[in-house]
Amino acid sequence: MIIKIIKRLFCTFVFLFKIDMEEPIDKFSGESINELPQKPTQILKFLCILTFIWSGLGIFQNLTYTLFFEEIKELIKITKLPADYEAVKQGVEELLRGGRWFFFSGMILNISSVYGAILMLKMKKQGFHFYAIAQIIMLMLPMIYIKGMSFSGFNFFITSSFIAMYAIQIKAFEIKK
């Protein structure tokens, strides 16, 4: 099942990055669109800033867990927390069941999200694809690495909202080769 999903995502990824060899022309001026100055919209800049912040924190967190996995695992076991924080401790213990590769994969996907946002700020359509694919895989990551982990409706809502907001902004993207 997981292999089929990964194969479909790979095929979609390959399909999305086909490059059209014709140079786009503006219908009104007759000039090449590649020569027209394009700037990101304010909304696009705002979305990218939010992506930089959130994915940047994700990179830092996943890097920390990757480098100090065993130490964090031991620290969580011996730490005594007030009753109010027991749920947080249980959540961290559940994520630690994913192993070091879970956090390493998360870090790579967060880096891909930031790279996608950088490309979108440069008005490259491929940035949207990098971002969207990384986010979709990140949604499935806990279910792949952690046996019995359920799908998060909240994460799905946030991810799909951001992908939809970026998709709306895609009209402003200049297709650069």
N, C-alpha and C. Protein backbone atom coordinates (compact mmCIF):
# COMPACT_ATOMS: atom_id res chain seq x y z
N MET A 1 0.82 -1.19 0.00
CA MET A 1 0.00 0.00 0.00
C MET A 1 0.87 1.26 0.00
N ILE A 2 1.84 1.30 0.91
CA ILE A 2 2.72 2.47 1.01
C ILE A 2 3.58 2.59 -0.23
N ILE A 3 4.04 1.46 -0.76
CA ILE A 3 4.86 1.47 -1.98
C ILE A 3 4.07 2.04 -3.15
N LYS A 4 2.78 1.68 -3.26
CA LYS A 4 1.94 2.21 -4.33
C LYS A 4 1.79 3.72 -4.20
N ILE A 5 1.61 4.21 -2.98
CA ILE A 5 1.46 5.65 -2.74
C ILE A 5 2.74 6.37 -3.14
N ILE A 6 3.87 5.82 -2.74
CA ILE A 6 5.16 6.45 -3.07
C ILE A 6 5.39 6.45 -4.58
N LYS A 7 5.03 5.34 -5.26
CA LYS A 7 5.18 5.29 -6.72
C LYS A 7 4.30 6.33 -7.39
N ARG A 8 3.05 6.47 -6.91
CA ARG A 8 2.15 7.47 -7.50
C ARG A 8 2.67 8.88 -7.27
N LEU A 9 3.17 9.16 -6.07
CA LEU A 9 3.73 10.48 -5.79
C LEU A 9 4.94 10.76 -6.68
N PHE A 10 5.79 9.75 -6.88
CA PHE A 10 6.96 9.92 -7.74
C PHE A 10 6.53 10.21 -9.17
N CYS A 11 5.54 9.45 -9.68
CA CYS A 11 5.06 9.66 -11.05
C CYS A 11 4.45 11.06 -11.19
N THR A 12 3.70 11.49 -10.17
CA THR A 12 3.12 12.83 -10.19
C THR A 12 4.22 13.87 -10.19
N PHE A 13 5.25 13.66 -9.36
CA PHE A 13 6.37 14.58 -9.28
C PHE A 13 7.06 14.71 -10.63
N VAL A 14 7.32 13.60 -11.30
CA VAL A 14 7.96 13.60 -12.61
C VAL A 14 7.09 14.32 -13.63
N PHE A 15 5.77 14.05 -13.59
CA PHE A 15 4.84 14.67 -14.53
C PHE A 15 4.79 16.19 -14.34
N LEU A 16 4.80 16.64 -13.09
CA LEU A 16 4.67 18.07 -12.80
C LEU A 16 5.87 18.88 -13.29
N PHE A 17 7.03 18.25 -13.42
CA PHE A 17 8.21 18.99 -13.78
C PHE A 17 8.57 18.92 -15.25
N LYS A 18 7.60 18.48 -16.09
CA LYS A 18 7.82 18.56 -17.53
C LYS A 18 7.91 20.04 -17.90
N ILE A 19 8.85 20.37 -18.73
CA ILE A 19 9.04 21.77 -19.10
C ILE A 19 8.57 21.98 -20.53
N ASP A 20 7.70 22.96 -20.70
CA ASP A 20 7.20 23.32 -22.02
C ASP A 20 8.28 24.14 -22.72
N MET A 21 8.66 23.74 -23.93
CA MET A 21 9.77 24.37 -24.62
C MET A 21 9.38 25.66 -25.34
N GLU A 22 8.08 25.93 -25.46
CA GLU A 22 7.67 27.17 -26.12
C GLU A 22 7.81 28.33 -25.16
N GLU A 23 8.26 29.47 -25.69
CA GLU A 23 8.40 30.66 -24.86
C GLU A 23 7.05 31.38 -24.80
N PRO A 24 6.51 31.62 -23.59
CA PRO A 24 5.21 32.28 -23.48
C PRO A 24 5.28 33.74 -23.95
N ILE A 25 4.25 34.17 -24.67
CA ILE A 25 4.18 35.52 -25.24
C ILE A 25 2.95 36.24 -24.65
N ASP A 26 3.14 37.51 -24.27
CA ASP A 26 2.03 38.33 -23.79
C ASP A 26 1.13 38.66 -24.98
N LYS A 27 -0.18 38.41 -24.85
CA LYS A 27 -1.11 38.61 -25.96
C LYS A 27 -1.27 40.07 -26.35
N PHE A 28 -1.11 40.99 -25.40
CA PHE A 28 -1.34 42.40 -25.69
C PHE A 28 -0.11 43.10 -26.25
N SER A 29 1.04 42.85 -25.65
CA SER A 29 2.23 43.57 -26.10
C SER A 29 3.06 42.78 -27.12
N GLY A 30 2.85 41.48 -27.20
CA GLY A 30 3.62 40.66 -28.12
C GLY A 30 5.02 40.36 -27.61
N GLU A 31 5.34 40.80 -26.36
CA GLU A 31 6.66 40.55 -25.80
C GLU A 31 6.69 39.20 -25.09
N SER A 32 7.88 38.70 -24.96
CA SER A 32 8.06 37.45 -24.21
C SER A 32 7.73 37.71 -22.75
N ILE A 33 6.96 36.82 -22.15
CA ILE A 33 6.61 36.96 -20.74
C ILE A 33 7.87 36.87 -19.89
N ASN A 34 8.85 36.12 -20.34
CA ASN A 34 10.09 36.00 -19.58
C ASN A 34 10.83 37.32 -19.45
N GLU A 35 10.52 38.28 -20.33
CA GLU A 35 11.19 39.57 -20.28
C GLU A 35 10.40 40.59 -19.48
N LEU A 36 9.14 40.29 -19.15
CA LEU A 36 8.34 41.23 -18.36
C LEU A 36 8.75 41.16 -16.90
N PRO A 37 8.90 42.32 -16.25
CA PRO A 37 9.25 42.29 -14.83
C PRO A 37 8.06 41.79 -14.01
N GLN A 38 8.28 40.79 -13.18
CA GLN A 38 7.24 40.24 -12.32
C GLN A 38 7.71 40.31 -10.89
N LYS A 39 6.80 40.68 -9.99
CA LYS A 39 7.13 40.74 -8.58
C LYS A 39 6.10 39.92 -7.81
N PRO A 40 6.52 39.31 -6.71
CA PRO A 40 5.56 38.55 -5.91
C PRO A 40 4.54 39.49 -5.26
N THR A 41 3.32 39.00 -5.12
CA THR A 41 2.27 39.78 -4.48
C THR A 41 2.54 39.85 -2.97
N GLN A 42 1.87 40.77 -2.30
CA GLN A 42 2.02 40.90 -0.86
C GLN A 42 1.55 39.63 -0.14
N ILE A 43 0.47 39.05 -0.64
CA ILE A 43 -0.05 37.83 -0.03
C ILE A 43 0.97 36.70 -0.19
N LEU A 44 1.57 36.58 -1.36
CA LEU A 44 2.58 35.56 -1.59
C LEU A 44 3.77 35.76 -0.65
N LYS A 45 4.20 37.00 -0.48
CA LYS A 45 5.31 37.28 0.44
C LYS A 45 4.94 36.86 1.86
N PHE A 46 3.72 37.17 2.28
CA PHE A 46 3.26 36.82 3.62
C PHE A 46 3.24 35.30 3.81
N LEU A 47 2.69 34.59 2.82
CA LEU A 47 2.66 33.12 2.91
C LEU A 47 4.06 32.54 2.97
N CYS A 48 4.98 33.09 2.18
CA CYS A 48 6.36 32.59 2.19
C CYS A 48 7.03 32.87 3.53
N ILE A 49 6.77 34.03 4.11
CA ILE A 49 7.34 34.33 5.43
C ILE A 49 6.84 33.34 6.47
N LEU A 50 5.55 33.05 6.44
CA LEU A 50 5.00 32.05 7.37
C LEU A 50 5.64 30.68 7.14
N THR A 51 5.86 30.34 5.88
CA THR A 51 6.52 29.07 5.55
C THR A 51 7.95 29.06 6.06
N PHE A 52 8.68 30.17 5.89
CA PHE A 52 10.05 30.25 6.38
C PHE A 52 10.09 30.05 7.90
N ILE A 53 9.17 30.69 8.60
CA ILE A 53 9.15 30.58 10.06
C ILE A 53 8.81 29.15 10.48
N TRP A 54 7.70 28.63 9.98
CA TRP A 54 7.24 27.31 10.43
C TRP A 54 8.18 26.20 9.99
N SER A 55 8.58 26.21 8.74
CA SER A 55 9.48 25.16 8.26
C SER A 55 10.88 25.34 8.84
N GLY A 56 11.28 26.58 9.08
CA GLY A 56 12.58 26.82 9.73
C GLY A 56 12.61 26.22 11.13
N LEU A 57 11.52 26.40 11.87
CA LEU A 57 11.42 25.77 13.19
C LEU A 57 11.42 24.24 13.05
N GLY A 58 10.75 23.75 12.02
CA GLY A 58 10.72 22.31 11.77
C GLY A 58 12.10 21.76 11.45
N ILE A 59 12.88 22.51 10.68
CA ILE A 59 14.25 22.09 10.36
C ILE A 59 15.07 22.01 11.64
N PHE A 60 14.98 23.05 12.46
CA PHE A 60 15.74 23.08 13.71
C PHE A 60 15.32 21.94 14.63
N GLN A 61 14.02 21.73 14.80
CA GLN A 61 13.53 20.67 15.67
C GLN A 61 13.97 19.30 15.17
N ASN A 62 13.76 19.03 13.89
CA ASN A 62 14.12 17.72 13.34
C ASN A 62 15.63 17.49 13.33
N LEU A 63 16.39 18.54 13.10
CA LEU A 63 17.86 18.41 13.17
C LEU A 63 18.28 18.05 14.60
N THR A 64 17.69 18.72 15.58
CA THR A 64 18.00 18.45 16.99
C THR A 64 17.66 17.00 17.35
N TYR A 65 16.47 16.56 16.96
CA TYR A 65 16.07 15.18 17.26
C TYR A 65 16.94 14.17 16.51
N THR A 66 17.36 14.51 15.30
CA THR A 66 18.21 13.60 14.53
C THR A 66 19.58 13.46 15.17
N LEU A 67 20.17 14.58 15.54
CA LEU A 67 21.53 14.56 16.10
C LEU A 67 21.58 14.00 17.52
N PHE A 68 20.57 14.30 18.32
CA PHE A 68 20.59 13.92 19.74
C PHE A 68 19.46 12.95 20.08
N PHE A 69 19.16 12.06 19.17
CA PHE A 69 18.01 11.16 19.33
C PHE A 69 18.09 10.34 20.61
N GLU A 70 19.20 9.64 20.82
CA GLU A 70 19.33 8.78 21.99
C GLU A 70 19.30 9.58 23.29
N GLU A 71 19.95 10.73 23.30
CA GLU A 71 19.98 11.57 24.50
C GLU A 71 18.58 12.07 24.85
N ILE A 72 17.83 12.49 23.84
CA ILE A 72 16.47 12.98 24.06
C ILE A 72 15.57 11.85 24.55
N LYS A 73 15.75 10.68 23.98
CA LYS A 73 14.96 9.52 24.38
C LYS A 73 15.18 9.20 25.87
N GLU A 74 16.44 9.22 26.31
CA GLU A 74 16.76 8.97 27.72
C GLU A 74 16.24 10.09 28.62
N LEU A 75 16.38 11.31 28.16
CA LEU A 75 15.93 12.46 28.94
C LEU A 75 14.42 12.43 29.16
N ILE A 76 13.68 12.06 28.15
CA ILE A 76 12.22 11.96 28.26
C ILE A 76 11.83 10.88 29.27
N LYS A 77 12.57 9.77 29.28
CA LYS A 77 12.26 8.67 30.21
C LYS A 77 12.42 9.09 31.67
N ILE A 78 13.47 9.86 31.97
CA ILE A 78 13.76 10.20 33.37
C ILE A 78 13.10 11.49 33.84
N THR A 79 12.54 12.26 32.93
CA THR A 79 11.95 13.55 33.30
C THR A 79 10.61 13.34 34.00
N LYS A 80 10.45 14.00 35.14
CA LYS A 80 9.19 13.99 35.87
C LYS A 80 8.49 15.32 35.58
N LEU A 81 7.28 15.23 35.04
CA LEU A 81 6.52 16.42 34.69
C LEU A 81 5.25 16.50 35.52
N PRO A 82 4.72 17.71 35.71
CA PRO A 82 3.42 17.82 36.38
C PRO A 82 2.35 17.11 35.55
N ALA A 83 1.27 16.77 36.19
CA ALA A 83 0.19 16.01 35.54
C ALA A 83 -0.34 16.72 34.29
N ASP A 84 -0.31 18.04 34.30
CA ASP A 84 -0.82 18.80 33.15
C ASP A 84 0.00 18.54 31.89
N TYR A 85 1.26 18.17 32.05
CA TYR A 85 2.15 18.00 30.90
C TYR A 85 2.36 16.54 30.51
N GLU A 86 1.69 15.62 31.18
CA GLU A 86 1.85 14.20 30.87
C GLU A 86 1.44 13.88 29.44
N ALA A 87 0.41 14.54 28.93
CA ALA A 87 -0.04 14.30 27.55
C ALA A 87 1.05 14.72 26.55
N VAL A 88 1.74 15.80 26.85
CA VAL A 88 2.83 16.26 25.98
C VAL A 88 3.95 15.22 25.98
N LYS A 89 4.29 14.72 27.16
CA LYS A 89 5.33 13.70 27.27
C LYS A 89 4.95 12.45 26.49
N GLN A 90 3.71 12.04 26.59
CA GLN A 90 3.25 10.86 25.85
C GLN A 90 3.31 11.09 24.35
N GLY A 91 2.97 12.31 23.91
CA GLY A 91 3.04 12.64 22.49
C GLY A 91 4.46 12.58 21.96
N VAL A 92 5.41 13.09 22.75
CA VAL A 92 6.82 13.05 22.35
C VAL A 92 7.32 11.61 22.31
N GLU A 93 6.92 10.81 23.32
CA GLU A 93 7.33 9.40 23.33
C GLU A 93 6.78 8.66 22.11
N GLU A 94 5.56 9.00 21.71
CA GLU A 94 4.98 8.37 20.53
C GLU A 94 5.75 8.75 19.26
N LEU A 95 6.13 10.01 19.15
CA LEU A 95 6.92 10.43 17.99
C LEU A 95 8.30 9.79 17.99
N LEU A 96 8.88 9.60 19.16
CA LEU A 96 10.20 8.98 19.24
C LEU A 96 10.18 7.52 18.76
N ARG A 97 9.01 6.90 18.75
CA ARG A 97 8.90 5.54 18.22
C ARG A 97 9.23 5.50 16.73
N GLY A 98 9.13 6.65 16.05
CA GLY A 98 9.44 6.72 14.62
C GLY A 98 10.91 6.54 14.32
N GLY A 99 11.77 6.75 15.31
CA GLY A 99 13.20 6.57 15.12
C GLY A 99 13.87 7.80 14.51
N ARG A 100 15.17 7.70 14.42
CA ARG A 100 16.00 8.81 13.92
C ARG A 100 15.65 9.16 12.47
N TRP A 101 15.34 8.14 11.64
CA TRP A 101 15.04 8.40 10.23
C TRP A 101 13.74 9.18 10.05
N PHE A 102 12.81 9.02 10.97
CA PHE A 102 11.57 9.80 10.94
C PHE A 102 11.90 11.29 11.01
N PHE A 103 12.76 11.65 11.94
CA PHE A 103 13.11 13.06 12.12
C PHE A 103 14.02 13.56 10.99
N PHE A 104 14.91 12.70 10.50
CA PHE A 104 15.76 13.08 9.37
C PHE A 104 14.90 13.35 8.14
N SER A 105 13.93 12.48 7.88
CA SER A 105 13.02 12.66 6.73
C SER A 105 12.23 13.95 6.89
N GLY A 106 11.77 14.22 8.10
CA GLY A 106 11.04 15.47 8.36
C GLY A 106 11.90 16.69 8.08
N MET A 107 13.17 16.62 8.45
CA MET A 107 14.08 17.73 8.20
C MET A 107 14.26 17.96 6.70
N ILE A 108 14.46 16.88 5.94
CA ILE A 108 14.63 17.00 4.49
C ILE A 108 13.36 17.60 3.86
N LEU A 109 12.19 17.16 4.31
CA LEU A 109 10.94 17.69 3.76
C LEU A 109 10.73 19.15 4.14
N ASN A 110 11.14 19.55 5.34
CA ASN A 110 11.05 20.97 5.71
C ASN A 110 12.01 21.82 4.88
N ILE A 111 13.19 21.28 4.61
CA ILE A 111 14.14 21.99 3.73
C ILE A 111 13.53 22.14 2.33
N SER A 112 12.87 21.10 1.85
CA SER A 112 12.21 21.17 0.53
C SER A 112 11.11 22.22 0.53
N SER A 113 10.38 22.34 1.63
CA SER A 113 9.32 23.36 1.72
C SER A 113 9.92 24.77 1.65
N VAL A 114 11.01 24.98 2.38
CA VAL A 114 11.67 26.30 2.36
C VAL A 114 12.22 26.58 0.96
N TYR A 115 12.82 25.58 0.33
CA TYR A 115 13.33 25.74 -1.04
C TYR A 115 12.19 26.11 -1.99
N GLY A 116 11.05 25.44 -1.85
CA GLY A 116 9.88 25.76 -2.67
C GLY A 116 9.43 27.20 -2.46
N ALA A 117 9.41 27.65 -1.20
CA ALA A 117 9.01 29.03 -0.92
C ALA A 117 10.00 30.03 -1.53
N ILE A 118 11.29 29.71 -1.48
CA ILE A 118 12.30 30.58 -2.10
C ILE A 118 12.06 30.68 -3.60
N LEU A 119 11.79 29.54 -4.24
CA LEU A 119 11.51 29.55 -5.68
C LEU A 119 10.25 30.36 -5.98
N MET A 120 9.23 30.23 -5.14
CA MET A 120 8.00 31.00 -5.38
C MET A 120 8.25 32.49 -5.24
N LEU A 121 9.09 32.89 -4.30
CA LEU A 121 9.43 34.32 -4.19
C LEU A 121 10.17 34.81 -5.43
N LYS A 122 10.88 33.90 -6.08
CA LYS A 122 11.56 34.24 -7.34
C LYS A 122 10.62 34.07 -8.53
N MET A 123 9.33 33.82 -8.23
CA MET A 123 8.27 33.70 -9.23
C MET A 123 8.46 32.48 -10.13
N LYS A 124 8.97 31.41 -9.60
CA LYS A 124 9.12 30.17 -10.35
C LYS A 124 8.04 29.20 -9.92
N LYS A 125 7.29 28.72 -10.88
CA LYS A 125 6.16 27.84 -10.62
C LYS A 125 6.60 26.52 -9.98
N GLN A 126 7.80 26.06 -10.28
CA GLN A 126 8.29 24.80 -9.71
C GLN A 126 8.32 24.85 -8.19
N GLY A 127 8.47 26.04 -7.63
CA GLY A 127 8.49 26.20 -6.18
C GLY A 127 7.20 25.71 -5.54
N PHE A 128 6.08 25.98 -6.20
CA PHE A 128 4.79 25.51 -5.69
C PHE A 128 4.77 23.99 -5.63
N HIS A 129 5.30 23.34 -6.66
CA HIS A 129 5.30 21.89 -6.71
C HIS A 129 6.22 21.30 -5.63
N PHE A 130 7.40 21.91 -5.45
CA PHE A 130 8.28 21.45 -4.38
C PHE A 130 7.57 21.55 -3.04
N TYR A 131 6.96 22.70 -2.79
CA TYR A 131 6.27 22.93 -1.52
C TYR A 131 5.13 21.94 -1.32
N ALA A 132 4.25 21.83 -2.30
CA ALA A 132 3.06 20.99 -2.17
C ALA A 132 3.43 19.52 -1.97
N ILE A 133 4.36 19.02 -2.75
CA ILE A 133 4.75 17.60 -2.63
C ILE A 133 5.40 17.34 -1.27
N ALA A 134 6.27 18.24 -0.83
CA ALA A 134 6.92 18.07 0.48
C ALA A 134 5.87 18.06 1.59
N GLN A 135 4.89 18.95 1.51
CA GLN A 135 3.87 19.03 2.55
C GLN A 135 2.98 17.79 2.56
N ILE A 136 2.63 17.30 1.40
CA ILE A 136 1.78 16.10 1.32
C ILE A 136 2.51 14.89 1.88
N ILE A 137 3.78 14.74 1.54
CA ILE A 137 4.56 13.63 2.08
C ILE A 137 4.72 13.79 3.59
N MET A 138 4.91 15.04 4.05
CA MET A 138 5.05 15.29 5.48
C MET A 138 3.78 14.89 6.25
N LEU A 139 2.62 15.05 5.61
CA LEU A 139 1.37 14.62 6.24
C LEU A 139 1.35 13.11 6.45
N MET A 140 1.91 12.38 5.52
CA MET A 140 1.89 10.91 5.59
C MET A 140 3.06 10.34 6.39
N LEU A 141 4.07 11.13 6.65
CA LEU A 141 5.28 10.66 7.30
C LEU A 141 5.03 9.92 8.63
N PRO A 142 4.23 10.46 9.54
CA PRO A 142 4.00 9.73 10.79
C PRO A 142 3.35 8.36 10.57
N MET A 143 2.46 8.25 9.61
CA MET A 143 1.80 6.98 9.35
C MET A 143 2.76 5.97 8.72
N ILE A 144 3.78 6.46 8.03
CA ILE A 144 4.77 5.58 7.41
C ILE A 144 5.74 5.04 8.45
N TYR A 145 6.23 5.91 9.33
CA TYR A 145 7.28 5.52 10.27
C TYR A 145 6.75 5.00 11.61
N ILE A 146 5.57 5.40 12.03
CA ILE A 146 5.07 5.04 13.35
C ILE A 146 3.86 4.14 13.20
N LYS A 147 4.03 2.89 13.56
CA LYS A 147 2.95 1.91 13.44
C LYS A 147 1.79 2.32 14.36
N GLY A 148 0.60 2.33 13.79
CA GLY A 148 -0.60 2.65 14.56
C GLY A 148 -0.88 4.13 14.70
N MET A 149 -0.07 4.98 14.09
CA MET A 149 -0.28 6.42 14.19
C MET A 149 -1.46 6.80 13.31
N SER A 150 -2.36 7.59 13.85
CA SER A 150 -3.55 7.98 13.10
C SER A 150 -3.29 9.25 12.29
N PHE A 151 -4.16 9.48 11.34
CA PHE A 151 -4.08 10.66 10.47
C PHE A 151 -4.55 11.89 11.25
N SER A 152 -3.85 12.99 11.13
CA SER A 152 -4.18 14.21 11.85
C SER A 152 -5.06 15.12 11.00
N GLY A 153 -6.30 15.27 11.40
CA GLY A 153 -7.22 16.14 10.68
C GLY A 153 -6.80 17.60 10.74
N PHE A 154 -6.26 18.03 11.88
CA PHE A 154 -5.81 19.42 12.04
C PHE A 154 -4.65 19.71 11.08
N ASN A 155 -3.66 18.81 11.03
CA ASN A 155 -2.53 19.00 10.11
C ASN A 155 -2.99 19.00 8.66
N PHE A 156 -3.97 18.15 8.35
CA PHE A 156 -4.52 18.13 6.99
C PHE A 156 -5.18 19.47 6.66
N PHE A 157 -5.93 20.02 7.58
CA PHE A 157 -6.61 21.31 7.37
C PHE A 157 -5.59 22.42 7.12
N ILE A 158 -4.57 22.51 7.97
CA ILE A 158 -3.56 23.56 7.82
C ILE A 158 -2.80 23.39 6.51
N THR A 159 -2.36 22.16 6.21
CA THR A 159 -1.59 21.90 4.99
C THR A 159 -2.41 22.21 3.75
N SER A 160 -3.65 21.72 3.71
CA SER A 160 -4.48 21.95 2.52
C SER A 160 -4.83 23.43 2.38
N SER A 161 -4.98 24.14 3.50
CA SER A 161 -5.26 25.59 3.43
C SER A 161 -4.09 26.34 2.80
N PHE A 162 -2.87 26.01 3.25
CA PHE A 162 -1.70 26.69 2.69
C PHE A 162 -1.50 26.34 1.22
N ILE A 163 -1.67 25.08 0.87
CA ILE A 163 -1.53 24.69 -0.53
C ILE A 163 -2.56 25.43 -1.38
N ALA A 164 -3.80 25.53 -0.89
CA ALA A 164 -4.85 26.25 -1.62
C ALA A 164 -4.51 27.73 -1.76
N MET A 165 -4.00 28.36 -0.69
CA MET A 165 -3.65 29.78 -0.76
C MET A 165 -2.50 30.00 -1.74
N TYR A 166 -1.52 29.11 -1.73
CA TYR A 166 -0.44 29.22 -2.70
C TYR A 166 -0.96 28.99 -4.12
N ALA A 167 -1.88 28.05 -4.29
CA ALA A 167 -2.44 27.77 -5.62
C ALA A 167 -3.16 28.99 -6.18
N ILE A 168 -3.84 29.72 -5.31
CA ILE A 168 -4.52 30.94 -5.75
C ILE A 168 -3.49 31.97 -6.24
N GLN A 169 -2.37 32.01 -5.56
CA GLN A 169 -1.32 32.97 -5.94
C GLN A 169 -0.52 32.54 -7.17
N ILE A 170 -0.68 31.30 -7.57
CA ILE A 170 0.12 30.76 -8.68
C ILE A 170 -0.15 31.52 -9.99
N LYS A 171 -1.29 32.18 -10.09
CA LYS A 171 -1.60 32.96 -11.29
C LYS A 171 -0.60 34.07 -11.51
N ALA A 172 0.01 34.53 -10.43
CA ALA A 172 0.98 35.62 -10.54
C ALA A 172 2.38 35.13 -10.89
N PHE A 173 2.56 33.81 -10.92
CA PHE A 173 3.89 33.25 -11.17
C PHE A 173 4.27 33.39 -12.64
N GLU A 174 5.50 33.74 -12.85
CA GLU A 174 6.07 33.73 -14.19
C GLU A 174 6.72 32.37 -14.37
N ILE A 175 6.44 31.72 -15.47
CA ILE A 175 7.03 30.41 -15.72
C ILE A 175 8.44 30.65 -16.27
N LYS A 176 9.43 30.32 -15.43
CA LYS A 176 10.83 30.49 -15.85
C LYS A 176 11.42 29.13 -16.13
N LYS A 177 12.28 29.09 -17.11
CA LYS A 177 12.90 27.82 -17.49
C LYS A 177 14.31 27.78 -16.97
